[in-house]
């Protein structure tokens, strides 16, 4: 498994002014990460494409544990942690998911992920029967390889595992448009073979379709 860490947070705010305040504080964290943390390669603030007015996602990608530890010591993170106890919803939110790429070969990103004006982002959660993750992994490898080698409009892709949940996988994906996802990525042979050979092993699938409103999806 890769040494990289991917942190996904889903914050269920009351909406309105409180959500706006959270977003502004997260944008400050993202700016500091971009400018002062060379090993924080992604720090994206997202909301659902069909915005419910309350939910915020944060997707963070670190080269290693040391990069995450450095990030947590930043001034802007300290400020939001000091502020959070005064906002009741923080106490009721679930913890961050801390994930890892299955291996280095199971993720890639392109510079265009950082320059595209409106990347189409998906964070998916897949549940499998016992043993299903292992059986599915080679088919996922083909999906990642196809995206990297043949799909210029697939801007970012990562297949991720939670070390504490052996029957789950996650994907973190970004495309140039929803049309590209539907017309190029989904019909690919690799995706078709993955579905044909492993769909019966899945016990659950949830897609979060998201829009970037702050931060960044790519950094050298």
Protein backbone atom coordinates (compact mmCIF):
# COMPACT_ATOMS: atom_id res chain seq x y z
CA UNK A 1 0.00 0.00 0.00
CA UNK A 2 1.17 3.53 -0.74
CA UNK A 3 2.58 5.81 1.96
CA UNK A 4 0.36 8.61 0.67
CA UNK A 5 -2.66 9.66 2.73
CA UNK A 6 -6.00 10.87 1.42
CA UNK A 7 -8.32 12.54 3.90
CA UNK A 8 -12.00 12.96 3.02
CA UNK A 9 -14.29 14.97 5.30
CA UNK A 10 -18.02 15.48 4.91
CA UNK A 11 -19.30 18.38 7.00
CA UNK A 12 -23.04 18.73 7.58
CA UNK A 13 -23.44 22.39 8.48
CA UNK A 14 -26.64 24.28 9.37
CA UNK A 15 -26.20 26.21 6.14
CA UNK A 16 -26.45 29.94 5.67
CA UNK A 17 -23.90 32.16 7.37
CA UNK A 18 -22.31 29.29 9.28
CA UNK A 19 -21.55 27.35 6.11
CA UNK A 20 -20.17 30.49 4.51
CA UNK A 21 -17.87 31.02 7.49
CA UNK A 22 -16.64 27.43 7.36
CA UNK A 23 -15.94 27.71 3.63
CA UNK A 24 -13.94 30.91 4.08
CA UNK A 25 -11.85 29.35 6.82
CA UNK A 26 -11.24 26.26 4.68
CA UNK A 27 -10.16 28.46 1.78
CA UNK A 28 -7.61 30.09 4.07
CA UNK A 29 -6.29 26.64 5.01
CA UNK A 30 -6.11 25.69 1.33
CA UNK A 31 -4.14 28.82 0.46
CA UNK A 32 -1.63 28.19 3.22
CA UNK A 33 -1.31 24.54 2.14
CA UNK A 34 -0.75 25.58 -1.47
CA UNK A 35 1.88 28.17 -0.60
CA UNK A 36 3.75 26.57 2.30
CA UNK A 37 3.22 22.79 2.18
CA UNK A 38 4.98 21.24 -0.83
CA UNK A 39 3.78 17.73 0.04
CA UNK A 40 0.09 18.64 0.33
CA UNK A 41 -0.73 17.93 -3.30
CA UNK A 42 -4.52 18.33 -3.09
CA UNK A 43 -6.66 20.45 -0.80
CA UNK A 44 -10.06 20.87 -2.41
CA UNK A 45 -13.24 22.33 -0.93
CA UNK A 46 -16.33 20.93 -2.61
CA UNK A 47 -20.11 21.04 -2.46
CA UNK A 48 -22.66 18.71 -4.05
CA UNK A 49 -23.47 19.49 -7.69
CA UNK A 50 -27.09 19.47 -6.59
CA UNK A 51 -26.31 21.75 -3.68
CA UNK A 52 -28.38 21.18 -0.55
CA UNK A 53 -27.13 24.41 1.00
CA UNK A 54 -25.57 22.64 3.98
CA UNK A 55 -23.00 20.00 2.98
CA UNK A 56 -19.29 20.62 2.45
CA UNK A 57 -16.71 18.05 1.39
CA UNK A 58 -12.98 18.51 1.86
CA UNK A 59 -10.54 16.29 -0.06
CA UNK A 60 -6.89 16.34 0.99
CA UNK A 61 -3.94 14.39 -0.45
CA UNK A 62 -0.60 14.13 1.34
CA UNK A 63 2.61 12.50 0.12
CA UNK A 64 3.16 10.87 3.51
CA UNK A 65 2.33 11.00 7.20
CA UNK A 66 4.95 13.70 7.78
CA UNK A 67 3.17 15.97 5.29
CA UNK A 68 -0.11 15.48 7.12
CA UNK A 69 1.53 16.17 10.47
CA UNK A 70 3.06 19.38 9.11
CA UNK A 71 -0.33 20.46 7.77
CA UNK A 72 -2.01 19.95 11.12
CA UNK A 73 0.52 22.33 12.70
CA UNK A 74 -0.28 25.17 10.30
CA UNK A 75 -1.63 28.42 11.69
CA UNK A 76 -4.88 28.29 9.71
CA UNK A 77 -5.63 24.75 10.92
CA UNK A 78 -4.97 25.81 14.50
CA UNK A 79 -7.36 28.73 14.03
CA UNK A 80 -10.24 26.58 12.75
CA UNK A 81 -9.69 24.03 15.53
CA UNK A 82 -9.82 26.82 18.11
CA UNK A 83 -13.00 28.20 16.50
CA UNK A 84 -14.77 24.87 16.00
CA UNK A 85 -15.93 24.29 19.61
CA UNK A 86 -18.05 27.44 19.39
CA UNK A 87 -20.01 25.95 16.46
CA UNK A 88 -22.30 23.12 17.67
CA UNK A 89 -22.46 21.18 14.40
CA UNK A 90 -18.73 20.34 14.55
CA UNK A 91 -19.37 18.17 17.60
CA UNK A 92 -21.88 15.99 15.75
CA UNK A 93 -19.99 15.45 12.50
CA UNK A 94 -18.35 12.08 11.83
CA UNK A 95 -14.55 11.94 11.83
CA UNK A 96 -12.49 12.31 8.70
CA UNK A 97 -11.93 9.23 6.59
CA UNK A 98 -8.21 8.61 6.33
CA UNK A 99 -7.54 6.52 3.23
CA UNK A 100 -4.55 5.32 1.24
CA UNK A 101 -4.10 4.58 -2.46
CA UNK A 102 -4.09 0.81 -2.99
CA UNK A 103 -0.57 1.41 -4.36
CA UNK A 104 1.21 4.11 -6.35
CA UNK A 105 0.04 2.46 -9.57
CA UNK A 106 -3.59 3.03 -8.58
CA UNK A 107 -3.63 6.80 -8.83
CA UNK A 108 -2.67 9.62 -11.17
CA UNK A 109 -3.37 13.29 -11.75
CA UNK A 110 -2.74 15.75 -14.57
CA UNK A 111 -1.75 19.42 -14.41
CA UNK A 112 -5.08 20.24 -16.06
CA UNK A 113 -6.79 19.14 -12.83
CA UNK A 114 -5.37 22.32 -11.33
CA UNK A 115 -6.24 24.67 -14.17
CA UNK A 116 -9.67 23.47 -15.29
CA UNK A 117 -12.38 26.02 -14.50
CA UNK A 118 -15.01 23.50 -13.38
CA UNK A 119 -13.80 19.90 -13.01
CA UNK A 120 -16.51 17.27 -12.51
CA UNK A 121 -15.57 15.50 -9.27
CA UNK A 122 -16.86 12.21 -7.90
CA UNK A 123 -16.06 10.55 -4.60
CA UNK A 124 -17.50 7.04 -4.58
CA UNK A 125 -17.82 4.49 -1.80
CA UNK A 126 -18.07 0.79 -2.70
CA UNK A 127 -18.92 -2.08 -0.36
CA UNK A 128 -18.01 -5.67 -1.25
CA UNK A 129 -18.67 -9.17 -0.05
CA UNK A 130 -15.72 -10.71 1.84
CA UNK A 131 -12.96 -11.32 -0.68
CA UNK A 132 -14.56 -9.05 -3.24
CA UNK A 133 -11.97 -6.31 -2.92
CA UNK A 134 -9.13 -8.66 -3.80
CA UNK A 135 -11.01 -10.14 -6.77
CA UNK A 136 -11.91 -6.68 -8.06
CA UNK A 137 -8.48 -5.09 -7.73
CA UNK A 138 -7.03 -6.21 -11.11
CA UNK A 139 -10.10 -4.84 -12.89
CA UNK A 140 -9.67 -1.52 -11.09
CA UNK A 141 -6.01 -1.48 -12.15
CA UNK A 142 -7.17 -1.63 -15.77
CA UNK A 143 -9.58 1.27 -15.16
CA UNK A 144 -6.79 3.41 -13.68
CA UNK A 145 -4.33 2.49 -16.45
CA UNK A 146 -6.87 3.30 -19.16
CA UNK A 147 -7.64 6.64 -17.58
CA UNK A 148 -3.96 7.51 -17.29
CA UNK A 149 -2.92 6.34 -20.76
CA UNK A 150 -5.94 6.95 -22.98
CA UNK A 151 -8.27 9.52 -21.39
CA UNK A 152 -6.87 13.04 -21.40
CA UNK A 153 -10.18 14.27 -20.01
CA UNK A 154 -9.85 12.09 -16.92
CA UNK A 155 -7.97 14.64 -14.83
CA UNK A 156 -7.48 12.76 -11.57
CA UNK A 157 -8.17 9.22 -10.42
CA UNK A 158 -7.37 7.33 -7.26
CA UNK A 159 -8.49 3.94 -5.99
CA UNK A 160 -8.35 4.12 -2.21
CA UNK A 161 -8.59 1.78 0.76
CA UNK A 162 -9.45 2.30 4.39
CA UNK A 163 -6.96 0.10 6.30
CA UNK A 164 -9.62 -0.52 8.95
CA UNK A 165 -12.36 -1.65 6.49
CA UNK A 166 -11.19 -4.58 4.39
CA UNK A 167 -14.43 -4.90 2.39
CA UNK A 168 -14.58 -1.30 1.15
CA UNK A 169 -13.00 0.69 -1.65
CA UNK A 170 -13.25 4.37 -2.50
CA UNK A 171 -12.59 6.30 -5.68
CA UNK A 172 -11.62 9.95 -6.01
CA UNK A 173 -12.20 11.06 -9.61
CA UNK A 174 -12.19 14.29 -11.63
CA UNK A 175 -13.21 14.76 -15.27
CA UNK A 176 -13.25 17.66 -17.67
CA UNK A 177 -17.06 17.45 -17.83
CA UNK A 178 -19.98 15.15 -16.99
CA UNK A 179 -20.32 14.56 -20.73
CA UNK A 180 -16.74 13.25 -20.90
CA UNK A 181 -17.46 10.89 -18.01
CA UNK A 182 -20.55 9.52 -19.75
CA UNK A 183 -19.30 9.40 -23.33
CA UNK A 184 -15.64 8.36 -22.88
CA UNK A 185 -14.80 6.99 -19.43
CA UNK A 186 -17.87 4.92 -18.61
CA UNK A 187 -18.10 3.17 -22.03
CA UNK A 188 -14.40 2.18 -21.95
CA UNK A 189 -13.53 -1.50 -22.16
CA UNK A 190 -11.87 -1.34 -18.74
CA UNK A 191 -14.96 0.02 -16.99
CA UNK A 192 -17.22 -2.40 -18.87
CA UNK A 193 -15.06 -5.37 -17.84
CA UNK A 194 -14.95 -4.15 -14.25
CA UNK A 195 -18.73 -3.95 -14.08
CA UNK A 196 -19.27 -7.26 -15.88
CA UNK A 197 -16.88 -9.22 -13.69
CA UNK A 198 -17.27 -7.59 -10.27
CA UNK A 199 -20.68 -5.94 -9.99
CA UNK A 200 -22.08 -9.10 -8.39
CA UNK A 201 -19.47 -8.78 -5.63
CA UNK A 202 -20.68 -5.34 -4.57
CA UNK A 203 -23.13 -4.91 -1.73
CA UNK A 204 -23.31 -1.12 -1.92
CA UNK A 205 -22.34 1.82 -4.11
CA UNK A 206 -22.68 5.52 -3.35
CA UNK A 207 -21.59 8.37 -5.62
CA UNK A 208 -21.03 11.89 -4.34
CA UNK A 209 -21.06 14.19 -7.38
CA UNK A 210 -19.26 17.38 -6.47
CA UNK A 211 -18.19 20.84 -7.57
CA UNK A 212 -14.93 22.52 -6.53
CA UNK A 213 -15.54 25.89 -4.86
CA UNK A 214 -12.09 26.48 -3.39
CA UNK A 215 -8.61 25.11 -2.93
CA UNK A 216 -6.83 23.05 -5.56
CA UNK A 217 -6.80 19.58 -7.16
CA UNK A 218 -3.22 19.60 -8.40
CA UNK A 219 0.18 20.89 -7.35
CA UNK A 220 3.64 19.92 -8.59
